[in-house]
Amino acid sequence: MSATSSPEIKALVVCLGNICRSPMGEAVLKDIAQKRGIDIEVDSCGTGGYHVGEEPDERTVEVCRKHHVAINSLARQVSTSDFIQFTHILASDESNLRHLNRMKPANATAEVRLWGSYLDNKPIPDPYYGGKDGFEKVYEQCVRLSDAFLDEVTKAES
């Protein structure tokens, strides 16, 4: 294996619009993996195309910065190629999981699961229409889910 090989774990965090939960999840998962010394590729996207090309919600960015987590993604919509490019697709809630399973191609290789299934089976609530407190709760949930996900997938590799 060469030094330029790609990571074996490639995770895609998915929510509806890719401006709140999934970009925060992407940033937190990358941050925690880096702190734990785990080589991982992480991206995020939305099942809807409402915000394609937009930066994350300012409250998402503010909460990540408060916790010293780098966040720098632009919204994009999930595509069928994601089901082959990624090893794990992490849905933020049941609605997005259903959408992903409906569009999953026959040749998909990614494991598609509710992100909460790695810990407590709880969905990540959409904080968009609430206050900053909701974004803080999503951040805390993303930290717990990132640790649980990394614990399981690194255990599976060893």
Protein backbone atom coordinates (compact mmCIF):
# COMPACT_ATOMS: atom_id res chain seq x y z
CA MET A 1 0.00 0.00 0.00
CA SER A 2 1.46 3.39 -0.96
CA ALA A 3 1.56 6.52 1.17
CA THR A 4 -1.03 8.12 -1.10
CA SER A 5 -3.63 5.41 -0.65
CA SER A 6 -7.05 6.51 0.52
CA PRO A 7 -8.47 5.69 3.95
CA GLU A 8 -10.38 2.42 4.32
CA ILE A 9 -13.20 4.15 6.22
CA LYS A 10 -15.13 6.65 4.12
CA ALA A 11 -18.18 8.10 5.85
CA LEU A 12 -20.90 10.30 4.42
CA VAL A 13 -23.13 12.16 6.90
CA VAL A 14 -26.59 12.93 5.48
CA CYS A 15 -29.42 15.24 6.53
CA LEU A 16 -32.10 17.04 4.53
CA GLY A 17 -30.51 20.28 3.32
CA ASN A 18 -26.82 19.84 4.22
CA ILE A 19 -26.52 23.15 6.09
CA CYS A 20 -27.10 22.17 9.76
CA ARG A 21 -26.78 18.60 10.99
CA SER A 22 -24.68 16.93 8.31
CA PRO A 23 -21.97 19.59 7.92
CA MET A 24 -21.68 19.72 11.71
CA GLY A 25 -21.53 15.92 11.81
CA GLU A 26 -18.87 15.92 9.10
CA ALA A 27 -16.75 18.47 10.96
CA VAL A 28 -17.11 16.75 14.34
CA LEU A 29 -16.42 13.26 12.98
CA LYS A 30 -13.28 14.51 11.17
CA ASP A 31 -12.12 16.32 14.32
CA ILE A 32 -12.62 13.35 16.65
CA ALA A 33 -11.05 10.88 14.20
CA GLN A 34 -8.01 13.13 13.86
CA LYS A 35 -7.67 13.44 17.65
CA ARG A 36 -7.91 9.65 17.94
CA GLY A 37 -5.37 9.10 15.14
CA ILE A 38 -7.88 7.38 12.86
CA ASP A 39 -7.43 7.79 9.11
CA ILE A 40 -10.88 8.48 7.70
CA GLU A 41 -12.46 10.35 4.81
CA VAL A 42 -15.61 12.26 5.75
CA ASP A 43 -18.06 14.25 3.65
CA SER A 44 -21.65 15.38 4.04
CA CYS A 45 -24.65 15.97 1.82
CA GLY A 46 -28.40 16.43 1.84
CA THR A 47 -31.18 14.32 0.43
CA GLY A 48 -32.76 17.56 -0.81
CA GLY A 49 -31.12 20.03 -3.18
CA TYR A 50 -32.47 23.17 -1.48
CA HIS A 51 -29.11 24.66 -0.49
CA VAL A 52 -26.62 23.25 -3.04
CA GLY A 53 -23.45 25.39 -3.08
CA GLU A 54 -24.30 27.23 0.16
CA GLU A 55 -22.14 27.40 3.25
CA PRO A 56 -23.40 25.84 6.50
CA ASP A 57 -25.94 27.72 8.60
CA GLU A 58 -24.23 30.46 10.62
CA ARG A 59 -25.36 28.82 13.87
CA THR A 60 -23.70 25.56 12.83
CA VAL A 61 -20.47 27.44 12.10
CA GLU A 62 -20.70 29.38 15.37
CA VAL A 63 -21.12 26.24 17.50
CA CYS A 64 -18.25 24.45 15.72
CA ARG A 65 -15.94 27.43 16.18
CA LYS A 66 -16.92 27.68 19.86
CA HIS A 67 -15.68 24.09 20.27
CA HIS A 68 -12.57 24.69 18.09
CA VAL A 69 -13.79 22.35 15.34
CA ALA A 70 -12.88 23.35 11.79
CA ILE A 71 -15.86 23.48 9.44
CA ASN A 72 -15.54 24.30 5.76
CA SER A 73 -18.00 22.57 3.50
CA LEU A 74 -20.48 23.59 0.85
CA ALA A 75 -23.88 21.96 0.58
CA ARG A 76 -24.39 19.29 -2.03
CA GLN A 77 -27.09 16.73 -2.77
CA VAL A 78 -26.57 12.98 -2.43
CA SER A 79 -25.91 11.10 -5.66
CA THR A 80 -26.05 7.42 -6.56
CA SER A 81 -22.24 7.34 -6.88
CA ASP A 82 -22.03 8.09 -3.13
CA PHE A 83 -23.33 4.56 -2.47
CA ILE A 84 -20.15 3.18 -4.07
CA GLN A 85 -17.63 5.87 -3.15
CA PHE A 86 -18.31 5.66 0.61
CA THR A 87 -18.09 2.68 2.96
CA HIS A 88 -20.64 4.09 5.43
CA ILE A 89 -23.60 6.41 4.87
CA LEU A 90 -24.90 7.87 8.12
CA ALA A 91 -28.47 9.19 8.02
CA SER A 92 -29.39 11.85 10.57
CA ASP A 93 -32.98 10.66 10.96
CA GLU A 94 -35.50 8.06 9.78
CA SER A 95 -36.90 10.24 6.98
CA ASN A 96 -33.48 10.68 5.42
CA LEU A 97 -32.72 6.99 5.94
CA ARG A 98 -35.90 6.04 4.04
CA HIS A 99 -34.97 8.45 1.23
CA LEU A 100 -31.47 6.97 1.01
CA ASN A 101 -32.77 3.41 0.94
CA ARG A 102 -35.25 4.30 -1.84
CA MET A 103 -32.51 5.73 -4.05
CA LYS A 104 -29.84 3.14 -3.21
CA PRO A 105 -28.66 1.51 -6.45
CA ALA A 106 -28.46 -2.28 -6.86
CA ASN A 107 -24.65 -2.14 -6.99
CA ALA A 108 -24.31 -0.15 -3.75
CA THR A 109 -21.40 -1.17 -1.53
CA ALA A 110 -21.88 1.36 1.29
CA GLU A 111 -23.51 0.37 4.56
CA VAL A 112 -26.50 2.73 4.97
CA ARG A 113 -27.65 3.20 8.57
CA LEU A 114 -29.20 5.67 10.95
CA TRP A 115 -26.18 7.33 12.58
CA GLY A 116 -27.87 6.91 15.95
CA SER A 117 -27.93 3.13 15.43
CA TYR A 118 -24.29 3.07 16.51
CA LEU A 119 -25.29 4.31 19.97
CA ASP A 120 -28.91 4.75 21.06
CA ASN A 121 -31.05 4.65 17.89
CA LYS A 122 -32.02 8.29 18.39
CA PRO A 123 -32.35 10.57 15.38
CA ILE A 124 -30.54 13.88 15.27
CA PRO A 125 -33.28 16.52 15.53
CA ASP A 126 -33.25 19.28 12.92
CA PRO A 127 -32.25 22.47 14.77
CA TYR A 128 -32.98 24.81 11.82
CA TYR A 129 -36.21 26.36 13.11
CA GLY A 130 -35.08 26.57 16.73
CA GLY A 131 -32.57 28.61 18.65
CA LYS A 132 -28.85 28.26 19.21
CA ASP A 133 -29.45 25.79 22.03
CA GLY A 134 -30.67 23.23 19.50
CA PHE A 135 -27.41 23.52 17.57
CA GLU A 136 -25.44 22.99 20.78
CA LYS A 137 -27.45 19.82 21.48
CA VAL A 138 -26.80 18.59 17.93
CA TYR A 139 -23.08 19.22 18.46
CA GLU A 140 -23.06 17.18 21.68
CA GLN A 141 -24.99 14.38 19.95
CA CYS A 142 -22.52 14.42 17.03
CA VAL A 143 -19.63 14.01 19.48
CA ARG A 144 -21.24 10.97 21.11
CA LEU A 145 -22.23 9.45 17.75
CA SER A 146 -18.76 10.05 16.28
CA ASP A 147 -17.13 8.19 19.17
CA ALA A 148 -19.64 5.33 18.94
CA PHE A 149 -19.24 5.05 15.15
CA LEU A 150 -15.44 5.12 15.33
CA ASP A 151 -15.42 2.57 18.17
CA GLU A 152 -17.48 0.14 16.07
CA VAL A 153 -15.76 0.55 12.72
CA THR A 154 -12.23 0.45 14.14
CA LYS A 155 -13.11 -2.65 16.18
CA ALA A 156 -14.41 -4.26 12.99
CA GLU A 157 -11.12 -3.52 11.19
CA SER A 158 -8.88 -5.06 13.85
